[in-house]
Every structure is written in structure tokens, then in C-alpha cells.
C-alpha atoms as a PDB file:
ATOM      1  CA  UNK A   1      32.180 -11.898  47.482  1.00  0.00           C
ATOM      2  CA  UNK A   2      32.300 -10.044  50.778  1.00  0.00           C
ATOM      3  CA  UNK A   3      30.149 -11.282  53.623  1.00  0.00           C
ATOM      4  CA  UNK A   4      29.140  -7.707  54.485  1.00  0.00           C
ATOM      5  CA  UNK A   5      30.377  -4.135  54.511  1.00  0.00           C
ATOM      6  CA  UNK A   6      28.205  -1.628  56.360  1.00  0.00           C
ATOM      7  CA  UNK A   7      28.955   2.085  56.084  1.00  0.00           C
ATOM      8  CA  UNK A   8      27.918   4.175  59.098  1.00  0.00           C
ATOM      9  CA  UNK A   9      29.099   7.497  57.736  1.00  0.00           C
ATOM     10  CA  UNK A  10      31.048   9.217  54.995  1.00  0.00           C
ATOM     11  CA  UNK A  11      34.814   9.526  55.080  1.00  0.00           C
ATOM     12  CA  UNK A  12      37.201  11.337  52.803  1.00  0.00           C
ATOM     13  CA  UNK A  13      40.825  12.404  52.582  1.00  0.00           C
ATOM     14  CA  UNK A  14      40.212  15.742  54.310  1.00  0.00           C
ATOM     15  CA  UNK A  15      40.903  16.287  57.983  1.00  0.00           C
ATOM     16  CA  UNK A  16      38.299  14.845  60.315  1.00  0.00           C
ATOM     17  CA  UNK A  17      36.806  17.437  62.631  1.00  0.00           C
ATOM     18  CA  UNK A  18      36.574  14.933  65.483  1.00  0.00           C
ATOM     19  CA  UNK A  19      35.260  11.458  66.227  1.00  0.00           C
ATOM     20  CA  UNK A  20      31.894  11.478  68.037  1.00  0.00           C
ATOM     21  CA  UNK A  21      32.003  10.822  71.747  1.00  0.00           C
ATOM     22  CA  UNK A  22      35.771  11.030  72.053  1.00  0.00           C
ATOM     23  CA  UNK A  23      37.717  13.024  74.619  1.00  0.00           C
ATOM     24  CA  UNK A  24      41.319  13.914  73.854  1.00  0.00           C
ATOM     25  CA  UNK A  25      43.747  14.099  76.731  1.00  0.00           C
ATOM     26  CA  UNK A  26      47.336  15.271  76.522  1.00  0.00           C
ATOM     27  CA  UNK A  27      49.722  13.718  78.977  1.00  0.00           C
ATOM     28  CA  UNK A  28      53.187  15.169  79.170  1.00  0.00           C
ATOM     29  CA  UNK A  29      55.307  12.594  80.931  1.00  0.00           C
ATOM     30  CA  UNK A  30      58.457  13.929  82.530  1.00  0.00           C
ATOM     31  CA  UNK A  31      61.561  11.884  83.215  1.00  0.00           C
ATOM     32  CA  UNK A  32      60.634  11.166  86.827  1.00  0.00           C
ATOM     33  CA  UNK A  33      57.088  10.149  85.963  1.00  0.00           C
ATOM     34  CA  UNK A  34      58.291   7.925  83.133  1.00  0.00           C
ATOM     35  CA  UNK A  35      60.797   6.255  85.428  1.00  0.00           C
ATOM     36  CA  UNK A  36      58.005   5.608  87.930  1.00  0.00           C
ATOM     37  CA  UNK A  37      55.865   4.047  85.197  1.00  0.00           C
ATOM     38  CA  UNK A  38      58.735   1.771  84.170  1.00  0.00           C
ATOM     39  CA  UNK A  39      59.350   0.718  87.763  1.00  0.00           C
ATOM     40  CA  UNK A  40      55.649  -0.022  88.184  1.00  0.00           C
ATOM     41  CA  UNK A  41      55.741  -2.169  85.067  1.00  0.00           C
ATOM     42  CA  UNK A  42      58.833  -4.002  86.219  1.00  0.00           C
ATOM     43  CA  UNK A  43      57.205  -4.690  89.560  1.00  0.00           C
ATOM     44  CA  UNK A  44      54.711  -7.041  87.914  1.00  0.00           C
ATOM     45  CA  UNK A  45      57.357  -8.997  86.022  1.00  0.00           C
ATOM     46  CA  UNK A  46      58.209 -12.289  87.694  1.00  0.00           C
ATOM     47  CA  UNK A  47      61.746 -12.487  89.017  1.00  0.00           C
ATOM     48  CA  UNK A  48      62.404 -15.874  87.516  1.00  0.00           C
ATOM     49  CA  UNK A  49      62.457 -15.147  83.810  1.00  0.00           C
ATOM     50  CA  UNK A  50      63.022 -18.791  82.894  1.00  0.00           C
ATOM     51  CA  UNK A  51      59.420 -19.471  83.968  1.00  0.00           C
ATOM     52  CA  UNK A  52      58.167 -17.327  81.125  1.00  0.00           C
ATOM     53  CA  UNK A  53      57.035 -18.818  77.846  1.00  0.00           C
ATOM     54  CA  UNK A  54      55.736 -17.365  74.600  1.00  0.00           C
ATOM     55  CA  UNK A  55      52.536 -18.203  72.744  1.00  0.00           C
ATOM     56  CA  UNK A  56      52.155 -16.961  69.191  1.00  0.00           C
ATOM     57  CA  UNK A  57      49.593 -17.304  66.450  1.00  0.00           C
ATOM     58  CA  UNK A  58      50.239 -17.679  62.739  1.00  0.00           C
ATOM     59  CA  UNK A  59      48.910 -15.526  59.931  1.00  0.00           C
ATOM     60  CA  UNK A  60      45.130 -15.619  59.768  1.00  0.00           C
ATOM     61  CA  UNK A  61      44.704 -18.020  62.696  1.00  0.00           C
ATOM     62  CA  UNK A  62      43.517 -17.701  66.292  1.00  0.00           C
ATOM     63  CA  UNK A  63      44.819 -19.435  69.402  1.00  0.00           C
ATOM     64  CA  UNK A  64      43.121 -19.897  72.748  1.00  0.00           C
ATOM     65  CA  UNK A  65      45.062 -20.138  76.000  1.00  0.00           C
ATOM     66  CA  UNK A  66      43.375 -21.213  79.230  1.00  0.00           C
ATOM     67  CA  UNK A  67      45.117 -20.022  82.383  1.00  0.00           C
ATOM     68  CA  UNK A  68      44.907 -21.261  85.941  1.00  0.00           C
ATOM     69  CA  UNK A  69      41.989 -19.651  87.765  1.00  0.00           C
ATOM     70  CA  UNK A  70      39.637 -19.562  84.795  1.00  0.00           C
ATOM     71  CA  UNK A  71      41.104 -16.763  82.693  1.00  0.00           C
ATOM     72  CA  UNK A  72      40.872 -17.250  78.922  1.00  0.00           C
ATOM     73  CA  UNK A  73      43.053 -15.455  76.365  1.00  0.00           C
ATOM     74  CA  UNK A  74      42.254 -15.568  72.632  1.00  0.00           C
ATOM     75  CA  UNK A  75      44.994 -14.430  70.256  1.00  0.00           C
ATOM     76  CA  UNK A  76      44.175 -12.905  66.888  1.00  0.00           C
ATOM     77  CA  UNK A  77      46.339 -13.741  63.874  1.00  0.00           C
ATOM     78  CA  UNK A  78      50.060 -12.935  63.879  1.00  0.00           C
ATOM     79  CA  UNK A  79      50.091 -12.070  67.586  1.00  0.00           C
ATOM     80  CA  UNK A  80      52.518 -12.828  70.414  1.00  0.00           C
ATOM     81  CA  UNK A  81      52.027 -12.998  74.155  1.00  0.00           C
ATOM     82  CA  UNK A  82      54.357 -13.914  77.017  1.00  0.00           C
ATOM     83  CA  UNK A  83      52.965 -15.818  79.995  1.00  0.00           C
ATOM     84  CA  UNK A  84      54.468 -17.146  83.217  1.00  0.00           C
ATOM     85  CA  UNK A  85      54.155 -20.687  84.555  1.00  0.00           C
ATOM     86  CA  UNK A  86      54.365 -19.521  88.173  1.00  0.00           C
ATOM     87  CA  UNK A  87      52.186 -16.435  87.844  1.00  0.00           C
ATOM     88  CA  UNK A  88      48.880 -17.002  86.000  1.00  0.00           C
ATOM     89  CA  UNK A  89      47.875 -13.394  86.775  1.00  0.00           C
ATOM     90  CA  UNK A  90      50.564 -11.956  84.496  1.00  0.00           C
ATOM     91  CA  UNK A  91      50.713 -11.530  80.727  1.00  0.00           C
ATOM     92  CA  UNK A  92      52.712  -9.407  78.312  1.00  0.00           C
ATOM     93  CA  UNK A  93      51.297  -8.644  74.879  1.00  0.00           C
ATOM     94  CA  UNK A  94      54.371  -8.012  72.746  1.00  0.00           C
ATOM     95  CA  UNK A  95      52.582  -7.599  69.410  1.00  0.00           C
ATOM     96  CA  UNK A  96      49.222  -8.096  67.768  1.00  0.00           C
ATOM     97  CA  UNK A  97      45.832  -8.428  69.414  1.00  0.00           C
ATOM     98  CA  UNK A  98      44.160 -10.493  72.129  1.00  0.00           C
ATOM     99  CA  UNK A  99      40.825 -10.772  73.907  1.00  0.00           C
ATOM    100  CA  UNK A 100      41.060 -11.336  77.663  1.00  0.00           C
ATOM    101  CA  UNK A 101      38.211 -12.955  79.595  1.00  0.00           C
ATOM    102  CA  UNK A 102      39.394 -12.626  83.169  1.00  0.00           C
ATOM    103  CA  UNK A 103      38.158 -14.337  86.320  1.00  0.00           C
ATOM    104  CA  UNK A 104      38.459 -11.468  88.794  1.00  0.00           C
ATOM    105  CA  UNK A 105      40.365 -11.804  92.060  1.00  0.00           C
ATOM    106  CA  UNK A 106      40.558  -8.575  94.058  1.00  0.00           C
ATOM    107  CA  UNK A 107      43.514  -9.920  96.035  1.00  0.00           C
ATOM    108  CA  UNK A 108      45.474 -10.751  92.877  1.00  0.00           C
ATOM    109  CA  UNK A 109      44.446  -8.540  89.968  1.00  0.00           C
ATOM    110  CA  UNK A 110      45.268  -9.752  86.472  1.00  0.00           C
ATOM    111  CA  UNK A 111      47.745  -7.402  84.798  1.00  0.00           C
ATOM    112  CA  UNK A 112      48.877  -7.123  81.197  1.00  0.00           C
ATOM    113  CA  UNK A 113      52.138  -5.423  80.330  1.00  0.00           C
ATOM    114  CA  UNK A 114      52.034  -3.664  76.934  1.00  0.00           C
ATOM    115  CA  UNK A 115      55.322  -1.945  76.174  1.00  0.00           C
ATOM    116  CA  UNK A 116      55.889   0.307  79.178  1.00  0.00           C
ATOM    117  CA  UNK A 117      52.196   0.454  80.027  1.00  0.00           C
ATOM    118  CA  UNK A 118      50.107  -1.679  82.374  1.00  0.00           C
ATOM    119  CA  UNK A 119      46.449  -2.682  82.011  1.00  0.00           C
ATOM    120  CA  UNK A 120      44.760  -4.125  85.104  1.00  0.00           C
ATOM    121  CA  UNK A 121      41.425  -5.925  85.241  1.00  0.00           C
ATOM    122  CA  UNK A 122      38.654  -5.283  87.710  1.00  0.00           C
ATOM    123  CA  UNK A 123      36.382  -8.178  86.726  1.00  0.00           C
ATOM    124  CA  UNK A 124      36.478  -7.922  83.021  1.00  0.00           C
ATOM    125  CA  UNK A 125      36.317  -8.879  79.365  1.00  0.00           C
ATOM    126  CA  UNK A 126      38.547  -6.587  77.325  1.00  0.00           C
ATOM    127  CA  UNK A 127      40.389  -6.425  74.018  1.00  0.00           C
ATOM    128  CA  UNK A 128      43.941  -5.175  73.503  1.00  0.00           C
ATOM    129  CA  UNK A 129      45.695  -4.375  70.216  1.00  0.00           C
ATOM    130  CA  UNK A 130      49.347  -3.341  70.113  1.00  0.00           C
ATOM    131  CA  UNK A 131      51.013  -2.218  66.901  1.00  0.00           C
ATOM    132  CA  UNK A 132      54.032   0.025  66.435  1.00  0.00           C
ATOM    133  CA  UNK A 133      53.982   1.076  70.119  1.00  0.00           C
ATOM    134  CA  UNK A 134      50.374   2.327  69.817  1.00  0.00           C
ATOM    135  CA  UNK A 135      47.787   0.694  72.075  1.00  0.00           C
ATOM    136  CA  UNK A 136      44.038   0.204  71.601  1.00  0.00           C
ATOM    137  CA  UNK A 137      41.919  -0.982  74.518  1.00  0.00           C
ATOM    138  CA  UNK A 138      38.178  -1.713  74.533  1.00  0.00           C
ATOM    139  CA  UNK A 139      36.057  -3.014  77.424  1.00  0.00           C
ATOM    140  CA  UNK A 140      33.095  -5.354  76.895  1.00  0.00           C
ATOM    141  CA  UNK A 141      32.327  -6.255  80.520  1.00  0.00           C
ATOM    142  CA  UNK A 142      33.329  -5.033  83.956  1.00  0.00           C
ATOM    143  CA  UNK A 143      36.059  -2.448  84.369  1.00  0.00           C
ATOM    144  CA  UNK A 144      39.712  -1.993  83.364  1.00  0.00           C
ATOM    145  CA  UNK A 145      42.353   0.238  84.916  1.00  0.00           C
ATOM    146  CA  UNK A 146      44.894   1.746  82.536  1.00  0.00           C
ATOM    147  CA  UNK A 147      48.272   2.683  84.091  1.00  0.00           C
ATOM    148  CA  UNK A 148      47.217   1.833  87.686  1.00  0.00           C
ATOM    149  CA  UNK A 149      48.470   4.208  90.341  1.00  0.00           C
ATOM    150  CA  UNK A 150      48.507   7.981  90.568  1.00  0.00           C
ATOM    151  CA  UNK A 151      46.658   9.456  87.600  1.00  0.00           C
ATOM    152  CA  UNK A 152      45.218   6.090  86.562  1.00  0.00           C
ATOM    153  CA  UNK A 153      42.380   5.883  84.020  1.00  0.00           C
ATOM    154  CA  UNK A 154      39.374   3.655  84.740  1.00  0.00           C
ATOM    155  CA  UNK A 155      37.299   2.372  81.830  1.00  0.00           C
ATOM    156  CA  UNK A 156      33.833   0.874  82.199  1.00  0.00           C
ATOM    157  CA  UNK A 157      32.112  -1.540  79.821  1.00  0.00           C
ATOM    158  CA  UNK A 158      31.360   0.260  76.583  1.00  0.00           C
ATOM    159  CA  UNK A 159      34.420   2.493  76.792  1.00  0.00           C
ATOM    160  CA  UNK A 160      37.688   2.364  74.887  1.00  0.00           C
ATOM    161  CA  UNK A 161      41.079   4.002  74.849  1.00  0.00           C
ATOM    162  CA  UNK A 162      43.773   4.665  72.269  1.00  0.00           C
ATOM    163  CA  UNK A 163      47.287   5.958  72.828  1.00  0.00           C
ATOM    164  CA  UNK A 164      49.871   7.562  70.623  1.00  0.00           C
ATOM    165  CA  UNK A 165      53.108   5.683  69.996  1.00  0.00           C
ATOM    166  CA  UNK A 166      54.945   7.667  72.688  1.00  0.00           C
ATOM    167  CA  UNK A 167      52.100   7.302  75.177  1.00  0.00           C
ATOM    168  CA  UNK A 168      51.732  11.052  75.744  1.00  0.00           C
ATOM    169  CA  UNK A 169      48.364  11.336  73.989  1.00  0.00           C
ATOM    170  CA  UNK A 170      45.416   9.278  75.201  1.00  0.00           C
ATOM    171  CA  UNK A 171      42.015   9.309  73.481  1.00  0.00           C
ATOM    172  CA  UNK A 172      39.014   7.942  75.378  1.00  0.00           C
ATOM    173  CA  UNK A 173      35.593   7.310  73.885  1.00  0.00           C
ATOM    174  CA  UNK A 174      32.570   5.048  73.576  1.00  0.00           C
ATOM    175  CA  UNK A 175      32.669   1.634  71.897  1.00  0.00           C
ATOM    176  CA  UNK A 176      29.945  -0.863  71.047  1.00  0.00           C
ATOM    177  CA  UNK A 177      30.199  -3.518  73.753  1.00  0.00           C
ATOM    178  CA  UNK A 178      28.897  -6.203  71.424  1.00  0.00           C
ATOM    179  CA  UNK A 179      31.626  -5.461  68.865  1.00  0.00           C
ATOM    180  CA  UNK A 180      34.556  -5.912  71.287  1.00  0.00           C
ATOM    181  CA  UNK A 181      36.497  -8.963  70.126  1.00  0.00           C
ATOM    182  CA  UNK A 182      34.277  -9.219  67.055  1.00  0.00           C
ATOM    183  CA  UNK A 183      37.319 -10.271  65.015  1.00  0.00           C
ATOM    184  CA  UNK A 184      36.792 -13.792  66.370  1.00  0.00           C
ATOM    185  CA  UNK A 185      33.745 -13.987  64.077  1.00  0.00           C
ATOM    186  CA  UNK A 186      35.437 -12.003  61.296  1.00  0.00           C
ATOM    187  CA  UNK A 187      33.695  -8.733  62.212  1.00  0.00           C
ATOM    188  CA  UNK A 188      35.627  -5.446  62.368  1.00  0.00           C
ATOM    189  CA  UNK A 189      33.852  -2.279  63.549  1.00  0.00           C
ATOM    190  CA  UNK A 190      35.240   1.240  63.191  1.00  0.00           C
ATOM    191  CA  UNK A 191      34.137   4.627  64.465  1.00  0.00           C
ATOM    192  CA  UNK A 192      36.570   6.862  62.622  1.00  0.00           C
ATOM    193  CA  UNK A 193      39.788   4.886  63.045  1.00  0.00           C
ATOM    194  CA  UNK A 194      42.417   5.630  60.380  1.00  0.00           C
ATOM    195  CA  UNK A 195      42.979   3.334  57.407  1.00  0.00           C
ATOM    196  CA  UNK A 196      46.367   2.426  58.907  1.00  0.00           C
ATOM    197  CA  UNK A 197      44.472   0.735  61.745  1.00  0.00           C
ATOM    198  CA  UNK A 198      42.100  -0.973  59.312  1.00  0.00           C
ATOM    199  CA  UNK A 199      45.109  -2.305  57.365  1.00  0.00           C
ATOM    200  CA  UNK A 200      46.705  -3.764  60.506  1.00  0.00           C
ATOM    201  CA  UNK A 201      43.435  -5.448  61.484  1.00  0.00           C
ATOM    202  CA  UNK A 202      42.952  -6.910  58.003  1.00  0.00           C
ATOM    203  CA  UNK A 203      46.496  -8.299  58.045  1.00  0.00           C
ATOM    204  CA  UNK A 204      45.803 -10.231  61.246  1.00  0.00           C
ATOM    205  CA  UNK A 205      42.378 -11.435  60.133  1.00  0.00           C
ATOM    206  CA  UNK A 206      43.221 -12.506  56.582  1.00  0.00           C
ATOM    207  CA  UNK A 207      46.821 -13.643  57.015  1.00  0.00           C
ATOM    208  CA  UNK A 208      48.249 -11.422  54.282  1.00  0.00           C
ATOM    209  CA  UNK A 209      50.264  -8.210  54.604  1.00  0.00           C
ATOM    210  CA  UNK A 210      48.012  -5.189  54.039  1.00  0.00           C
ATOM    211  CA  UNK A 211      49.750  -1.822  53.940  1.00  0.00           C
ATOM    212  CA  UNK A 212      48.484   1.688  53.285  1.00  0.00           C
ATOM    213  CA  UNK A 213      49.992   4.571  51.334  1.00  0.00           C
ATOM    214  CA  UNK A 214      51.032   7.414  53.709  1.00  0.00           C
ATOM    215  CA  UNK A 215      48.874   9.793  51.651  1.00  0.00           C
ATOM    216  CA  UNK A 216      45.689   8.107  52.921  1.00  0.00           C
ATOM    217  CA  UNK A 217      46.930   6.407  56.108  1.00  0.00           C
ATOM    218  CA  UNK A 218      45.122   8.920  58.330  1.00  0.00           C
ATOM    219  CA  UNK A 219      41.838   8.803  56.378  1.00  0.00           C
ATOM    220  CA  UNK A 220      39.064   7.902  58.863  1.00  0.00           C
ATOM    221  CA  UNK A 221      36.713   5.012  58.264  1.00  0.00           C
ATOM    222  CA  UNK A 222      33.271   4.486  59.769  1.00  0.00           C
ATOM    223  CA  UNK A 223      31.626   1.129  59.265  1.00  0.00           C
ATOM    224  CA  UNK A 224      31.497  -2.596  59.912  1.00  0.00           C
ATOM    225  CA  UNK A 225      33.325  -5.144  57.787  1.00  0.00           C
ATOM    226  CA  UNK A 226      32.482  -8.847  57.978  1.00  0.00           C
ATOM    227  CA  UNK A 227      34.958 -11.214  56.334  1.00  0.00           C
ATOM    228  CA  UNK A 228      35.808 -14.896  56.280  1.00  0.00           C
ATOM    229  CA  UNK A 229      38.956 -15.426  58.315  1.00  0.00           C
ATOM    230  CA  UNK A 230      42.004 -16.419  56.306  1.00  0.00           C
ATOM    231  CA  UNK A 231      40.344 -15.795  52.920  1.00  0.00           C
ATOM    232  CA  UNK A 232      42.481 -13.171  51.159  1.00  0.00           C
ATOM    233  CA  UNK A 233      40.427 -13.470  47.962  1.00  0.00           C
ATOM    234  CA  UNK A 234      38.008 -10.966  49.513  1.00  0.00           C
ATOM    235  CA  UNK A 235      40.572  -8.159  49.470  1.00  0.00           C
ATOM    236  CA  UNK A 236      39.948  -6.821  45.969  1.00  0.00           C
ATOM    237  CA  UNK A 237      36.219  -6.417  46.576  1.00  0.00           C
ATOM    238  CA  UNK A 238      36.912  -4.865  49.977  1.00  0.00           C
ATOM    239  CA  UNK A 239      39.314  -2.294  48.530  1.00  0.00           C
ATOM    240  CA  UNK A 240      36.549  -1.076  46.232  1.00  0.00           C
ATOM    241  CA  UNK A 241      34.216  -0.790  49.217  1.00  0.00           C
ATOM    242  CA  UNK A 242      36.865   1.248  51.062  1.00  0.00           C
ATOM    243  CA  UNK A 243      37.197   3.535  48.029  1.00  0.00           C
ATOM    244  CA  UNK A 244      40.902   2.790  47.502  1.00  0.00           C
ATOM    245  CA  UNK A 245      43.018   1.073  44.878  1.00  0.00           C
ATOM    246  CA  UNK A 246      44.805  -2.180  45.717  1.00  0.00           C
ATOM    247  CA  UNK A 247      48.345  -2.695  44.440  1.00  0.00           C
ATOM    248  CA  UNK A 248      49.865  -6.167  44.832  1.00  0.00           C
ATOM    249  CA  UNK A 249      53.634  -6.582  45.038  1.00  0.00           C
ATOM    250  CA  UNK A 250      53.806 -10.335  45.536  1.00  0.00           C
ATOM    251  CA  UNK A 251      54.210  -9.863  49.280  1.00  0.00           C
ATOM    252  CA  UNK A 252      50.782  -8.509  50.136  1.00  0.00           C
ATOM    253  CA  UNK A 253      48.915  -5.443  48.968  1.00  0.00           C
ATOM    254  CA  UNK A 254      49.096  -1.691  49.464  1.00  0.00           C
ATOM    255  CA  UNK A 255      46.030   0.529  49.643  1.00  0.00           C
ATOM    256  CA  UNK A 256      46.505   3.613  47.471  1.00  0.00           C
ATOM    257  CA  UNK A 257      44.335   6.594  46.556  1.00  0.00           C
ATOM    258  CA  UNK A 258      42.475   6.416  43.265  1.00  0.00           C
ATOM    259  CA  UNK A 259      44.424   7.611  40.232  1.00  0.00           C
ATOM    260  CA  UNK A 260      47.810   7.428  41.971  1.00  0.00           C
ATOM    261  CA  UNK A 261      49.657   6.434  38.832  1.00  0.00           C
ATOM    262  CA  UNK A 262      48.030   3.009  38.798  1.00  0.00           C
ATOM    263  CA  UNK A 263      47.565   1.559  35.294  1.00  0.00           C
END
């Protein structure tokens, strides 16, 4: 049995005209600008690399890290973050998802390196997900600065941001503040995100590989899913609720469209 699946709107395999409240921006980053971004990112990396250490979470589990100064980082399942013993205001999310509850210090802003991109707090609670070079950022409290510097993007509480894998496309829109970091309680909320994103989130939450057939990977989903963390037995019932077929291969499941040659 599923704890709950709430549908906030209909979704199908056809193209989505546009997600409500979203603004699409196209950034074309030239060589010089990209080099500047990389240099800015490198500037926050501590010089003494041996002071860095990695914290990772296993499939379906969460880990909490308390940093000097009162900052708290909660890792979702199958996530990795790099921290620095001499610089508690630095973090690098290398994969997965984390919720950051940051004690603000205007003199020493907390910065998270995600690939070549930098996220800086301005007194904040925010969630970051990083998969396949794509970044999702949502702000629950305070303010976050994405790519600080010339052309920076400031997000207030109740706003979110998504980037394409190459970072040239940035989508900004509204998010439910109360749903940010909801995965800690097994709650996943979507406002038109593709099934590929849903699959990645389910993999972290349930501790089992969930993949999606390319034919439906871009299908948007609107709704709230509430599951019991680490309980993969809920997947079959959830696939029916998502209107897809579930095919198991012994190493997880793949979401497929109905009637796709499945016996």
C-alpha cells in the first residue's frame, strides 16, 4: 500500500505547453565567460586539498552532518558531498541531493560548489539536487544567490531554479516552501517535472534503481507522492498511480509506457 499519491493535474505523453509560473531563460556562455565561472568556482576551493573529506549516504538512507558555526546538512540517499576541515563555509555536492540549513554570516557566506556552478547562501534553508550535470535548487527560507558575480540570479523563499546539463538554460519558477526538503519525511512534490526526475528521486528515497524508458522520460508529472523510505515494495502500486508499466530486471525497475511489448 502507498501512503499517499495526490494528483494536482493531468499529464500525458504529449508535449507540455509550459509549467505554470515558470520563466525560461537562455544563457549562452562564451569561452571567456565560462573561464571566468570556472575561476570563480576554483576561488572557493581550499588550497590544502588534504583537508577535504567526503561524506556519503547509502541507498535509501539519510545522513546528517553538523558543521562548525551551526550549519546543518542532510544528505538524501545515495548522495555524496565533500567538506573541508579548515573551511566550514565550503561544501561541494558531487552527486545526489542535500538540504542545507545555513547559519548566515555576511562576512563569510556559505558556498556550495556543484559541478562548475556556485550557490551562495544569504541566510537560508535550501535544497540542492545534482544528477547528470543538471541542477535543481529550491529555497525554503531566506535567499540564495546562484552563480554569484556579474549576471547572478537571486532566489527568494518560495522560488526554485533548474538548469540544463550544459548550464546554458536556466528555468526559474515558484515552489511550495513547505515541500522543500520534503523527502526527509518521504514526501515528493512535483509541478510538471519530467518522469526522469521522478525516477531519480525515487531511487534515492527507496534505495533501488528506478529508470525510465526514453519514450516517456520527458512526460511531465504533477502531484505529491508520500512513501515510506527504504520500502521498495511500494513501487508496483506507485507505477500504476503514475500510469506506467514497471519492468524488473533484477537490478531495479524501468518505467515503460503501457503496451510496450510487456507480457
